[in-house]
Amino acid sequence: MTQRLFLLRHGEVTSHRGDVPVTEKGLQTAEQVGRRLAARADGPIRVISGETRRTRDTAAAVARGAREAGAEVLEDGVAFALRNPDLYLAGVRVDMVSSEAAFAAQIPGFTEADVAKVSFFAEWLTAPDRVGWWVRHPEPPGDDATAVADRIRTFAASLADRDDATAFTVAVTHSPVLRACAVEVTGGDIGEPRWLAGLEAEVSADRSVRLQLLPEAP
């Protein structure tokens, strides 16, 4: 059985400062995606997400829309593989945030001045396109784009272990994850994907994975 995995960016947010909710417009768009998937499905739809509020909100809205359209939906909660890249600062795994204060808050005893002394994070905070700068960086202090793409490919391949009748698995994640995976597909950085856009993976029984960009949200 071939498994199909949709890797989607979360819905619209007003900013990326903190663990913010998805906007009402973003929830409506996610529900529309769920309804469209339900129309294409010939079996249950599995919905999973990363651990942030914006991915969980989006996944719940996709599931809600699919159910309203008559699909059977399996909400399987949070998948660790869908997290943002792992970066390390002072021996601590830190989230990709947008200020020295937000980095320092993740590390006991660390100050904004301490963050500013570390060249990678100082440059990250001044880059016009932070995610694109990370995608191209040869030696980030943690995951590079290749490592993230490998993680997602391994995660996708594991779907071959299932022999149930699930039509689609919808996995809501983040822009850095999608941009890292897209490098493998296109040979370069695609820039910021639209809300609810992303990639589709076809996973064969032999665990081979074929990734392709979605021209628009499914």
N, C-alpha and C. Protein backbone atom coordinates (compact mmCIF):
# COMPACT_ATOMS: atom_id res chain seq x y z
N MET A 1 0.84 -1.20 0.00
CA MET A 1 0.00 0.00 0.00
C MET A 1 0.87 1.25 0.00
N THR A 2 0.56 2.19 -0.88
CA THR A 2 1.27 3.47 -0.91
C THR A 2 0.62 4.42 0.09
N GLN A 3 1.43 5.01 0.96
CA GLN A 3 0.95 6.01 1.92
C GLN A 3 1.21 7.40 1.34
N ARG A 4 0.30 8.31 1.58
CA ARG A 4 0.47 9.69 1.11
C ARG A 4 0.52 10.61 2.32
N LEU A 5 1.54 11.42 2.33
CA LEU A 5 1.77 12.35 3.44
C LEU A 5 1.78 13.77 2.90
N PHE A 6 0.94 14.62 3.46
CA PHE A 6 0.95 16.04 3.13
C PHE A 6 1.65 16.78 4.26
N LEU A 7 2.76 17.41 3.95
CA LEU A 7 3.51 18.23 4.90
C LEU A 7 3.13 19.68 4.66
N LEU A 8 2.41 20.28 5.59
CA LEU A 8 1.84 21.60 5.38
C LEU A 8 2.35 22.60 6.41
N ARG A 9 2.52 23.82 5.95
CA ARG A 9 2.82 24.90 6.88
C ARG A 9 1.57 25.22 7.70
N HIS A 10 1.78 25.68 8.91
CA HIS A 10 0.65 26.07 9.76
C HIS A 10 -0.11 27.24 9.15
N GLY A 11 -1.27 27.52 9.70
CA GLY A 11 -2.10 28.61 9.23
C GLY A 11 -1.55 29.98 9.62
N GLU A 12 -2.20 31.00 9.11
CA GLU A 12 -1.76 32.39 9.29
C GLU A 12 -1.66 32.77 10.77
N VAL A 13 -0.55 33.44 11.11
CA VAL A 13 -0.37 34.03 12.43
C VAL A 13 -0.02 35.50 12.25
N THR A 14 -0.24 36.29 13.27
CA THR A 14 0.04 37.72 13.17
C THR A 14 1.52 38.03 13.36
N SER A 15 2.25 37.13 14.03
CA SER A 15 3.69 37.28 14.22
C SER A 15 4.24 35.93 14.66
N HIS A 16 5.57 35.84 14.75
CA HIS A 16 6.19 34.63 15.27
C HIS A 16 6.85 34.89 16.61
N ARG A 17 6.38 35.90 17.31
CA ARG A 17 6.93 36.23 18.63
C ARG A 17 6.13 35.47 19.70
N GLY A 18 6.68 34.38 20.16
CA GLY A 18 6.01 33.57 21.15
C GLY A 18 5.17 32.47 20.53
N ASP A 19 4.53 31.71 21.36
CA ASP A 19 3.71 30.58 20.92
C ASP A 19 2.31 31.10 20.65
N VAL A 20 2.15 31.75 19.51
CA VAL A 20 0.94 32.51 19.22
C VAL A 20 -0.11 31.63 18.55
N PRO A 21 -1.39 32.01 18.66
CA PRO A 21 -2.46 31.25 18.01
C PRO A 21 -2.58 31.60 16.53
N VAL A 22 -3.27 30.75 15.81
CA VAL A 22 -3.59 31.01 14.41
C VAL A 22 -4.76 32.00 14.35
N THR A 23 -4.75 32.88 13.35
CA THR A 23 -5.83 33.85 13.21
C THR A 23 -7.12 33.16 12.79
N GLU A 24 -8.22 33.88 12.92
CA GLU A 24 -9.51 33.33 12.50
C GLU A 24 -9.49 33.02 11.00
N LYS A 25 -8.87 33.90 10.22
CA LYS A 25 -8.74 33.63 8.78
C LYS A 25 -7.94 32.36 8.54
N GLY A 26 -6.86 32.18 9.32
CA GLY A 26 -6.04 30.99 9.19
C GLY A 26 -6.80 29.72 9.51
N LEU A 27 -7.65 29.78 10.53
CA LEU A 27 -8.46 28.61 10.89
C LEU A 27 -9.47 28.29 9.79
N GLN A 28 -10.05 29.32 9.21
CA GLN A 28 -11.01 29.09 8.13
C GLN A 28 -10.35 28.45 6.92
N THR A 29 -9.14 28.91 6.60
CA THR A 29 -8.40 28.32 5.48
C THR A 29 -8.07 26.86 5.77
N ALA A 30 -7.67 26.56 7.00
CA ALA A 30 -7.35 25.18 7.38
C ALA A 30 -8.59 24.29 7.28
N GLU A 31 -9.73 24.81 7.68
CA GLU A 31 -10.96 24.04 7.56
C GLU A 31 -11.28 23.76 6.10
N GLN A 32 -11.04 24.74 5.22
CA GLN A 32 -11.27 24.53 3.79
C GLN A 32 -10.37 23.43 3.25
N VAL A 33 -9.11 23.43 3.69
CA VAL A 33 -8.19 22.37 3.28
C VAL A 33 -8.71 21.02 3.73
N GLY A 34 -9.20 20.95 4.95
CA GLY A 34 -9.77 19.70 5.45
C GLY A 34 -10.94 19.22 4.61
N ARG A 35 -11.80 20.14 4.20
CA ARG A 35 -12.95 19.76 3.37
C ARG A 35 -12.50 19.26 2.00
N ARG A 36 -11.48 19.92 1.43
CA ARG A 36 -10.99 19.48 0.11
C ARG A 36 -10.35 18.10 0.21
N LEU A 37 -9.61 17.86 1.27
CA LEU A 37 -9.01 16.53 1.45
C LEU A 37 -10.08 15.47 1.61
N ALA A 38 -11.14 15.80 2.34
CA ALA A 38 -12.23 14.84 2.53
C ALA A 38 -12.86 14.45 1.20
N ALA A 39 -12.96 15.41 0.29
CA ALA A 39 -13.56 15.13 -1.01
C ALA A 39 -12.69 14.19 -1.85
N ARG A 40 -11.39 14.18 -1.57
CA ARG A 40 -10.45 13.34 -2.34
C ARG A 40 -10.19 11.99 -1.68
N ALA A 41 -10.51 11.87 -0.42
CA ALA A 41 -10.13 10.68 0.34
C ALA A 41 -11.09 9.53 0.09
N ASP A 42 -10.53 8.31 0.04
CA ASP A 42 -11.37 7.12 -0.03
C ASP A 42 -11.19 6.25 1.21
N GLY A 43 -10.71 6.88 2.28
CA GLY A 43 -10.52 6.21 3.55
C GLY A 43 -10.30 7.26 4.63
N PRO A 44 -9.97 6.85 5.83
CA PRO A 44 -9.74 7.80 6.92
C PRO A 44 -8.57 8.74 6.63
N ILE A 45 -8.61 9.90 7.25
CA ILE A 45 -7.53 10.87 7.16
C ILE A 45 -6.89 10.98 8.54
N ARG A 46 -5.60 10.81 8.58
CA ARG A 46 -4.86 10.96 9.84
C ARG A 46 -4.28 12.38 9.89
N VAL A 47 -4.43 13.06 11.02
CA VAL A 47 -3.95 14.43 11.18
C VAL A 47 -3.01 14.50 12.37
N ILE A 48 -1.81 15.02 12.15
CA ILE A 48 -0.81 15.17 13.21
C ILE A 48 -0.18 16.56 13.10
N SER A 49 0.58 16.95 14.10
CA SER A 49 1.18 18.29 14.08
C SER A 49 2.45 18.32 14.89
N GLY A 50 3.16 19.44 14.76
CA GLY A 50 4.23 19.75 15.68
C GLY A 50 3.64 20.15 17.02
N GLU A 51 4.52 20.58 17.95
CA GLU A 51 4.04 20.81 19.31
C GLU A 51 3.62 22.25 19.58
N THR A 52 3.89 23.19 18.66
CA THR A 52 3.53 24.58 18.91
C THR A 52 2.03 24.80 18.79
N ARG A 53 1.58 25.88 19.39
CA ARG A 53 0.14 26.16 19.33
C ARG A 53 -0.32 26.38 17.89
N ARG A 54 0.49 27.06 17.08
CA ARG A 54 0.05 27.36 15.72
C ARG A 54 -0.09 26.09 14.87
N THR A 55 0.77 25.09 15.11
CA THR A 55 0.59 23.84 14.35
C THR A 55 -0.58 23.03 14.91
N ARG A 56 -0.75 23.04 16.22
CA ARG A 56 -1.86 22.28 16.81
C ARG A 56 -3.21 22.90 16.44
N ASP A 57 -3.28 24.24 16.47
CA ASP A 57 -4.51 24.93 16.06
C ASP A 57 -4.87 24.58 14.61
N THR A 58 -3.87 24.61 13.75
CA THR A 58 -4.10 24.34 12.33
C THR A 58 -4.56 22.90 12.12
N ALA A 59 -3.88 21.96 12.77
CA ALA A 59 -4.26 20.56 12.62
C ALA A 59 -5.70 20.32 13.08
N ALA A 60 -6.07 20.94 14.20
CA ALA A 60 -7.44 20.77 14.70
C ALA A 60 -8.46 21.32 13.71
N ALA A 61 -8.13 22.45 13.07
CA ALA A 61 -9.05 23.04 12.09
C ALA A 61 -9.15 22.18 10.83
N VAL A 62 -8.02 21.62 10.36
CA VAL A 62 -8.06 20.70 9.22
C VAL A 62 -8.96 19.51 9.55
N ALA A 63 -8.77 18.95 10.74
CA ALA A 63 -9.59 17.80 11.15
C ALA A 63 -11.06 18.17 11.22
N ARG A 64 -11.34 19.36 11.74
CA ARG A 64 -12.73 19.81 11.87
C ARG A 64 -13.38 19.93 10.49
N GLY A 65 -12.66 20.54 9.54
CA GLY A 65 -13.21 20.70 8.20
C GLY A 65 -13.45 19.36 7.52
N ALA A 66 -12.51 18.43 7.69
CA ALA A 66 -12.66 17.12 7.06
C ALA A 66 -13.86 16.37 7.64
N ARG A 67 -14.04 16.46 8.95
CA ARG A 67 -15.19 15.79 9.58
C ARG A 67 -16.51 16.39 9.09
N GLU A 68 -16.54 17.73 9.00
CA GLU A 68 -17.76 18.38 8.55
C GLU A 68 -18.13 17.96 7.13
N ALA A 69 -17.11 17.57 6.35
CA ALA A 69 -17.34 17.13 4.98
C ALA A 69 -17.60 15.63 4.90
N GLY A 70 -17.65 14.97 6.05
CA GLY A 70 -18.05 13.57 6.07
C GLY A 70 -16.93 12.55 6.16
N ALA A 71 -15.68 13.00 6.29
CA ALA A 71 -14.56 12.06 6.35
C ALA A 71 -14.39 11.51 7.77
N GLU A 72 -13.85 10.31 7.85
CA GLU A 72 -13.41 9.77 9.13
C GLU A 72 -12.02 10.33 9.40
N VAL A 73 -11.83 10.92 10.55
CA VAL A 73 -10.57 11.58 10.87
C VAL A 73 -9.96 10.96 12.13
N LEU A 74 -8.69 10.65 12.04
CA LEU A 74 -7.93 10.15 13.18
C LEU A 74 -6.97 11.24 13.60
N GLU A 75 -7.18 11.85 14.77
CA GLU A 75 -6.27 12.88 15.26
C GLU A 75 -5.23 12.21 16.15
N ASP A 76 -4.00 12.17 15.66
CA ASP A 76 -2.95 11.42 16.35
C ASP A 76 -1.99 12.31 17.14
N GLY A 77 -2.39 13.55 17.39
CA GLY A 77 -1.62 14.40 18.30
C GLY A 77 -0.33 14.93 17.71
N VAL A 78 0.68 15.03 18.56
CA VAL A 78 1.95 15.68 18.21
C VAL A 78 2.96 14.63 17.76
N ALA A 79 3.65 14.94 16.66
CA ALA A 79 4.75 14.10 16.18
C ALA A 79 6.06 14.87 16.36
N PHE A 80 6.98 14.31 17.12
CA PHE A 80 8.23 14.98 17.46
C PHE A 80 9.04 15.35 16.22
N ALA A 81 8.92 14.56 15.17
CA ALA A 81 9.70 14.82 13.95
C ALA A 81 9.35 16.14 13.29
N LEU A 82 8.16 16.68 13.58
CA LEU A 82 7.68 17.88 12.90
C LEU A 82 8.15 19.16 13.57
N ARG A 83 9.01 19.05 14.57
CA ARG A 83 9.51 20.24 15.27
C ARG A 83 10.41 21.07 14.37
N ASN A 84 10.62 22.31 14.76
CA ASN A 84 11.58 23.18 14.08
C ASN A 84 12.99 22.62 14.25
N PRO A 85 13.95 23.10 13.46
CA PRO A 85 15.34 22.61 13.59
C PRO A 85 15.87 22.75 15.01
N ASP A 86 16.69 21.80 15.41
CA ASP A 86 17.36 21.85 16.71
C ASP A 86 18.59 22.74 16.61
N LEU A 87 18.61 23.82 17.37
CA LEU A 87 19.78 24.69 17.49
C LEU A 87 20.23 24.68 18.94
N TYR A 88 21.53 24.80 19.16
CA TYR A 88 22.07 24.72 20.51
C TYR A 88 22.84 25.99 20.85
N LEU A 89 22.55 26.50 22.04
CA LEU A 89 23.19 27.70 22.56
C LEU A 89 23.53 27.45 24.02
N ALA A 90 24.80 27.53 24.35
CA ALA A 90 25.25 27.30 25.73
C ALA A 90 24.81 25.94 26.27
N GLY A 91 24.81 24.94 25.40
CA GLY A 91 24.44 23.60 25.82
C GLY A 91 22.96 23.35 25.97
N VAL A 92 22.13 24.25 25.45
CA VAL A 92 20.67 24.12 25.56
C VAL A 92 20.06 24.13 24.16
N ARG A 93 19.11 23.24 23.93
CA ARG A 93 18.36 23.26 22.68
C ARG A 93 17.40 24.46 22.72
N VAL A 94 17.53 25.38 21.75
CA VAL A 94 16.73 26.59 21.76
C VAL A 94 15.82 26.64 20.53
N ASP A 95 14.67 27.27 20.72
CA ASP A 95 13.76 27.49 19.60
C ASP A 95 14.27 28.64 18.74
N MET A 96 13.89 28.62 17.47
CA MET A 96 14.20 29.71 16.56
C MET A 96 13.30 30.89 16.91
N VAL A 97 13.84 31.87 17.59
CA VAL A 97 13.06 33.04 18.03
C VAL A 97 13.66 34.30 17.42
N SER A 98 13.06 35.44 17.71
CA SER A 98 13.38 36.64 16.94
C SER A 98 13.97 37.78 17.76
N SER A 99 14.48 37.48 18.97
CA SER A 99 15.12 38.54 19.74
C SER A 99 16.14 37.94 20.69
N GLU A 100 17.11 38.75 21.08
CA GLU A 100 18.10 38.30 22.06
C GLU A 100 17.42 37.93 23.37
N ALA A 101 16.41 38.70 23.75
CA ALA A 101 15.71 38.42 25.00
C ALA A 101 15.02 37.06 24.95
N ALA A 102 14.43 36.72 23.79
CA ALA A 102 13.73 35.45 23.68
C ALA A 102 14.69 34.27 23.70
N PHE A 103 15.88 34.44 23.14
CA PHE A 103 16.90 33.39 23.26
C PHE A 103 17.37 33.27 24.72
N ALA A 104 17.68 34.40 25.33
CA ALA A 104 18.21 34.38 26.70
C ALA A 104 17.20 33.77 27.68
N ALA A 105 15.92 33.98 27.43
CA ALA A 105 14.89 33.46 28.33
C ALA A 105 14.85 31.93 28.35
N GLN A 106 15.43 31.29 27.34
CA GLN A 106 15.43 29.83 27.28
C GLN A 106 16.60 29.20 28.02
N ILE A 107 17.53 30.04 28.52
CA ILE A 107 18.76 29.51 29.12
C ILE A 107 18.94 30.13 30.50
N PRO A 108 18.86 29.34 31.55
CA PRO A 108 19.02 29.88 32.91
C PRO A 108 20.35 30.61 33.06
N GLY A 109 20.27 31.84 33.58
CA GLY A 109 21.47 32.62 33.85
C GLY A 109 22.07 33.32 32.66
N PHE A 110 21.48 33.15 31.47
CA PHE A 110 22.03 33.78 30.26
C PHE A 110 21.39 35.15 30.07
N THR A 111 22.14 36.09 29.53
CA THR A 111 21.65 37.44 29.29
C THR A 111 21.60 37.73 27.80
N GLU A 112 20.95 38.82 27.46
CA GLU A 112 20.91 39.25 26.06
C GLU A 112 22.33 39.52 25.55
N ALA A 113 23.16 40.09 26.39
CA ALA A 113 24.55 40.35 26.00
C ALA A 113 25.30 39.06 25.72
N ASP A 114 24.99 38.02 26.48
CA ASP A 114 25.62 36.72 26.23
C ASP A 114 25.22 36.18 24.86
N VAL A 115 23.95 36.34 24.51
CA VAL A 115 23.48 35.89 23.20
C VAL A 115 24.20 36.64 22.09
N ALA A 116 24.33 37.96 22.26
CA ALA A 116 24.93 38.80 21.23
C ALA A 116 26.38 38.46 20.95
N LYS A 117 27.04 37.82 21.90
CA LYS A 117 28.45 37.45 21.72
C LYS A 117 28.63 36.24 20.80
N VAL A 118 27.58 35.48 20.59
CA VAL A 118 27.67 34.26 19.77
C VAL A 118 27.34 34.63 18.33
N SER A 119 28.29 34.50 17.44
CA SER A 119 28.15 35.06 16.10
C SER A 119 26.95 34.51 15.35
N PHE A 120 26.68 33.21 15.43
CA PHE A 120 25.55 32.67 14.67
C PHE A 120 24.26 33.35 15.08
N PHE A 121 24.01 33.49 16.37
CA PHE A 121 22.73 34.04 16.83
C PHE A 121 22.67 35.54 16.62
N ALA A 122 23.80 36.23 16.73
CA ALA A 122 23.82 37.66 16.42
C ALA A 122 23.48 37.90 14.95
N GLU A 123 24.03 37.07 14.07
CA GLU A 123 23.75 37.22 12.64
C GLU A 123 22.32 36.78 12.31
N TRP A 124 21.85 35.72 12.96
CA TRP A 124 20.46 35.28 12.77
C TRP A 124 19.49 36.42 13.01
N LEU A 125 19.72 37.19 14.08
CA LEU A 125 18.78 38.23 14.48
C LEU A 125 18.80 39.43 13.54
N THR A 126 19.85 39.57 12.74
CA THR A 126 19.94 40.71 11.83
C THR A 126 19.67 40.32 10.37
N ALA A 127 19.51 39.03 10.09
CA ALA A 127 19.27 38.59 8.71
C ALA A 127 17.86 38.97 8.27
N PRO A 128 17.70 39.59 7.08
CA PRO A 128 16.35 39.95 6.60
C PRO A 128 15.44 38.73 6.44
N ASP A 129 16.00 37.63 5.97
CA ASP A 129 15.27 36.37 5.83
C ASP A 129 16.00 35.34 6.69
N ARG A 130 15.60 35.24 7.96
CA ARG A 130 16.35 34.40 8.90
C ARG A 130 16.34 32.93 8.48
N VAL A 131 15.19 32.45 8.06
CA VAL A 131 15.10 31.04 7.70
C VAL A 131 15.95 30.75 6.47
N GLY A 132 15.89 31.63 5.49
CA GLY A 132 16.72 31.45 4.30
C GLY A 132 18.21 31.48 4.62
N TRP A 133 18.58 32.34 5.55
CA TRP A 133 19.98 32.41 5.99
C TRP A 133 20.39 31.10 6.65
N TRP A 134 19.49 30.53 7.46
CA TRP A 134 19.79 29.24 8.08
C TRP A 134 19.89 28.14 7.03
N VAL A 135 18.96 28.11 6.07
CA VAL A 135 18.98 27.08 5.02
C VAL A 135 20.32 27.06 4.31
N ARG A 136 20.89 28.22 4.07
CA ARG A 136 22.15 28.31 3.32
C ARG A 136 23.39 28.21 4.20
N HIS A 137 23.22 28.26 5.51
CA HIS A 137 24.38 28.29 6.40
C HIS A 137 25.10 26.94 6.38
N PRO A 138 26.42 26.93 6.20
CA PRO A 138 27.14 25.66 6.10
C PRO A 138 27.32 24.94 7.43
N GLU A 139 27.36 25.67 8.54
CA GLU A 139 27.62 25.04 9.83
C GLU A 139 26.85 25.70 10.96
N PRO A 140 25.53 25.57 10.97
CA PRO A 140 24.77 26.11 12.11
C PRO A 140 25.08 25.30 13.36
N PRO A 141 24.88 25.88 14.55
CA PRO A 141 25.13 25.13 15.79
C PRO A 141 23.98 24.18 16.11
N GLY A 142 23.86 23.17 15.31
CA GLY A 142 22.76 22.21 15.44
C GLY A 142 22.39 21.68 14.08
N ASP A 143 21.10 21.50 13.84
CA ASP A 143 20.64 20.96 12.56
C ASP A 143 20.92 21.92 11.41
N ASP A 144 21.47 21.39 10.32
CA ASP A 144 21.46 22.15 9.08
C ASP A 144 20.29 21.67 8.24
N ALA A 145 20.10 22.26 7.05
CA ALA A 145 18.94 21.93 6.23
C ALA A 145 18.94 20.45 5.83
N THR A 146 20.11 19.90 5.55
CA THR A 146 20.19 18.50 5.16
C THR A 146 19.74 17.58 6.29
N ALA A 147 20.14 17.90 7.51
CA ALA A 147 19.76 17.08 8.66
C ALA A 147 18.25 17.09 8.86
N VAL A 148 17.62 18.25 8.69
CA VAL A 148 16.17 18.33 8.86
C VAL A 148 15.47 17.55 7.75
N ALA A 149 15.93 17.69 6.51
CA ALA A 149 15.32 16.95 5.40
C ALA A 149 15.47 15.44 5.61
N ASP A 150 16.63 15.01 6.11
CA ASP A 150 16.83 13.58 6.39
C ASP A 150 15.88 13.10 7.48
N ARG A 151 15.68 13.94 8.50
CA ARG A 151 14.75 13.58 9.58
C ARG A 151 13.35 13.35 9.04
N ILE A 152 12.89 14.28 8.19
CA ILE A 152 11.54 14.18 7.66
C ILE A 152 11.41 13.00 6.71
N ARG A 153 12.42 12.74 5.90
CA ARG A 153 12.38 11.59 5.00
C ARG A 153 12.30 10.28 5.80
N THR A 154 13.07 10.18 6.89
CA THR A 154 13.02 8.98 7.73
C THR A 154 11.66 8.83 8.38
N PHE A 155 11.12 9.95 8.87
CA PHE A 155 9.77 9.95 9.45
C PHE A 155 8.75 9.50 8.43
N ALA A 156 8.81 10.05 7.21
CA ALA A 156 7.85 9.68 6.17
C ALA A 156 7.97 8.20 5.82
N ALA A 157 9.20 7.70 5.72
CA ALA A 157 9.39 6.30 5.37
C ALA A 157 8.75 5.37 6.38
N SER A 158 8.69 5.80 7.63
CA SER A 158 8.12 4.93 8.67
C SER A 158 6.62 4.71 8.48
N LEU A 159 5.97 5.54 7.66
CA LEU A 159 4.55 5.32 7.40
C LEU A 159 4.31 4.00 6.67
N ALA A 160 5.34 3.49 6.00
CA ALA A 160 5.21 2.21 5.32
C ALA A 160 4.98 1.06 6.30
N ASP A 161 5.28 1.30 7.58
CA ASP A 161 5.05 0.27 8.59
C ASP A 161 3.56 0.04 8.83
N ARG A 162 2.73 0.99 8.38
CA ARG A 162 1.28 0.86 8.58
C ARG A 162 0.66 0.06 7.45
N ASP A 163 -0.30 -0.75 7.76
CA ASP A 163 -1.05 -1.45 6.72
C ASP A 163 -2.54 -1.20 6.86
N ASP A 164 -2.87 -0.03 7.45
CA ASP A 164 -4.29 0.30 7.59
C ASP A 164 -4.78 1.00 6.33
N ALA A 165 -6.02 1.43 6.38
CA ALA A 165 -6.66 1.98 5.19
C ALA A 165 -6.64 3.50 5.16
N THR A 166 -5.74 4.12 5.89
CA THR A 166 -5.68 5.57 5.91
C THR A 166 -5.38 6.11 4.51
N ALA A 167 -6.21 7.04 4.05
CA ALA A 167 -5.99 7.61 2.73
C ALA A 167 -4.84 8.59 2.74
N PHE A 168 -4.87 9.53 3.66
CA PHE A 168 -3.85 10.57 3.73
C PHE A 168 -3.41 10.75 5.17
N THR A 169 -2.15 11.13 5.34
CA THR A 169 -1.69 11.67 6.61
C THR A 169 -1.37 13.13 6.38
N VAL A 170 -1.97 14.00 7.17
CA VAL A 170 -1.71 15.44 7.10
C VAL A 170 -0.83 15.79 8.28
N ALA A 171 0.34 16.36 8.01
CA ALA A 171 1.30 16.71 9.05
C ALA A 171 1.56 18.21 9.00
N VAL A 172 1.16 18.92 10.04
CA VAL A 172 1.30 20.37 10.08
C VAL A 172 2.61 20.72 10.78
N THR A 173 3.44 21.49 10.09
CA THR A 173 4.77 21.80 10.60
C THR A 173 5.10 23.27 10.35
N HIS A 174 6.38 23.58 10.19
CA HIS A 174 6.85 24.96 10.14
C HIS A 174 7.63 25.24 8.86
N SER A 175 7.75 26.52 8.55
CA SER A 175 8.46 26.95 7.36
C SER A 175 9.89 26.40 7.24
N PRO A 176 10.73 26.45 8.31
CA PRO A 176 12.09 25.94 8.14
C PRO A 176 12.13 24.47 7.72
N VAL A 177 11.22 23.68 8.24
CA VAL A 177 11.17 22.25 7.89
C VAL A 177 10.84 22.10 6.41
N LEU A 178 9.85 22.82 5.93
CA LEU A 178 9.44 22.72 4.54
C LEU A 178 10.51 23.24 3.60
N ARG A 179 11.14 24.35 3.97
CA ARG A 179 12.19 24.91 3.10
C ARG A 179 13.40 23.98 3.03
N ALA A 180 13.72 23.32 4.13
CA ALA A 180 14.82 22.36 4.12
C ALA A 180 14.51 21.19 3.20
N CYS A 181 13.29 20.66 3.28
CA CYS A 181 12.90 19.55 2.42
C CYS A 181 12.83 19.96 0.95
N ALA A 182 12.40 21.19 0.71
CA ALA A 182 12.25 21.65 -0.67
C ALA A 182 13.59 21.77 -1.39
N VAL A 183 14.67 22.00 -0.65
CA VAL A 183 16.01 22.08 -1.29
C VAL A 183 16.29 20.78 -2.03
N GLU A 184 15.92 19.66 -1.41
CA GLU A 184 16.15 18.35 -2.04
C GLU A 184 15.34 18.21 -3.32
N VAL A 185 14.15 18.80 -3.35
CA VAL A 185 13.26 18.66 -4.50
C VAL A 185 13.65 19.59 -5.63
N THR A 186 13.97 20.84 -5.28
CA THR A 186 14.19 21.86 -6.29
C THR A 186 15.66 22.22 -6.52
N GLY A 187 16.51 21.84 -5.57
CA GLY A 187 17.92 22.20 -5.69
C GLY A 187 18.25 23.55 -5.08
N GLY A 188 17.27 24.24 -4.55
CA GLY A 188 17.52 25.55 -3.96
C GLY A 188 16.42 25.93 -2.98
N ASP A 189 16.60 27.06 -2.32
CA ASP A 189 15.62 27.53 -1.34
C ASP A 189 14.41 28.12 -2.06
N ILE A 190 13.22 27.72 -1.67
CA ILE A 190 11.99 28.18 -2.32
C ILE A 190 11.45 29.45 -1.70
N GLY A 191 12.04 29.92 -0.60
CA GLY A 191 11.48 31.06 0.11
C GLY A 191 10.32 30.63 0.98
N GLU A 192 9.68 31.60 1.59
CA GLU A 192 8.60 31.30 2.53
C GLU A 192 7.39 30.69 1.81
N PRO A 193 6.99 29.48 2.19
CA PRO A 193 5.77 28.91 1.61
C PRO A 193 4.54 29.64 2.12
N ARG A 194 3.49 29.59 1.34
CA ARG A 194 2.23 30.19 1.78
C ARG A 194 1.66 29.39 2.95
N TRP A 195 0.77 30.03 3.69
CA TRP A 195 0.09 29.30 4.76
C TRP A 195 -0.61 28.08 4.18
N LEU A 196 -0.51 26.96 4.82
CA LEU A 196 -1.13 25.68 4.45
C LEU A 196 -0.57 25.09 3.15
N ALA A 197 0.46 25.68 2.57
CA ALA A 197 1.13 25.08 1.41
C ALA A 197 2.25 24.19 1.91
N GLY A 198 2.87 23.45 1.02
CA GLY A 198 3.97 22.59 1.45
C GLY A 198 4.36 21.55 0.43
N LEU A 199 4.52 20.32 0.90
CA LEU A 199 4.98 19.23 0.05
C LEU A 199 4.09 18.00 0.24
N GLU A 200 4.14 17.13 -0.77
CA GLU A 200 3.47 15.84 -0.67
C GLU A 200 4.54 14.75 -0.80
N ALA A 201 4.43 13.73 0.03
CA ALA A 201 5.33 12.58 -0.04
C ALA A 201 4.52 11.34 -0.34
N GLU A 202 4.99 10.57 -1.32
CA GLU A 202 4.43 9.25 -1.58
C GLU A 202 5.39 8.23 -1.01
N VAL A 203 4.89 7.39 -0.13
CA VAL A 203 5.72 6.41 0.58
C VAL A 203 5.31 5.02 0.12
N SER A 204 6.24 4.33 -0.52
CA SER A 204 5.97 2.99 -1.03
C SER A 204 6.20 1.94 0.05
N ALA A 205 5.73 0.73 -0.24
CA ALA A 205 5.86 -0.36 0.73
C ALA A 205 7.32 -0.68 1.04
N ASP A 206 8.22 -0.39 0.10
CA ASP A 206 9.65 -0.64 0.34
C ASP A 206 10.32 0.50 1.10
N ARG A 207 9.53 1.45 1.61
CA ARG A 207 9.98 2.60 2.40
C ARG A 207 10.67 3.67 1.56
N SER A 208 10.60 3.58 0.27
CA SER A 208 11.11 4.66 -0.56
C SER A 208 10.14 5.83 -0.52
N VAL A 209 10.70 7.04 -0.57
CA VAL A 209 9.90 8.26 -0.41
C VAL A 209 10.12 9.16 -1.62
N ARG A 210 9.05 9.60 -2.22
CA ARG A 210 9.13 10.56 -3.33
C ARG A 210 8.46 11.85 -2.89
N LEU A 211 9.24 12.92 -2.84
CA LEU A 211 8.74 14.22 -2.41
C LEU A 211 8.47 15.10 -3.63
N GLN A 212 7.42 15.88 -3.56
CA GLN A 212 7.16 16.90 -4.57
C GLN A 212 6.48 18.09 -3.93
N LEU A 213 6.72 19.26 -4.52
CA LEU A 213 6.07 20.47 -4.03
C LEU A 213 4.60 20.45 -4.40
N LEU A 214 3.76 20.92 -3.50
CA LEU A 214 2.37 21.15 -3.82
C LEU A 214 2.24 22.51 -4.50
N PRO A 215 1.58 22.59 -5.66
CA PRO A 215 1.44 23.89 -6.33
C PRO A 215 0.61 24.87 -5.52
N GLU A 216 -0.25 24.34 -4.66
CA GLU A 216 -1.07 25.16 -3.77
C GLU A 216 -1.50 24.28 -2.60
N ALA A 217 -2.18 24.87 -1.64
CA ALA A 217 -2.68 24.07 -0.53
C ALA A 217 -3.59 22.99 -1.08
N PRO A 218 -3.54 21.77 -0.51
CA PRO A 218 -4.34 20.66 -1.05
C PRO A 218 -5.84 20.90 -0.91
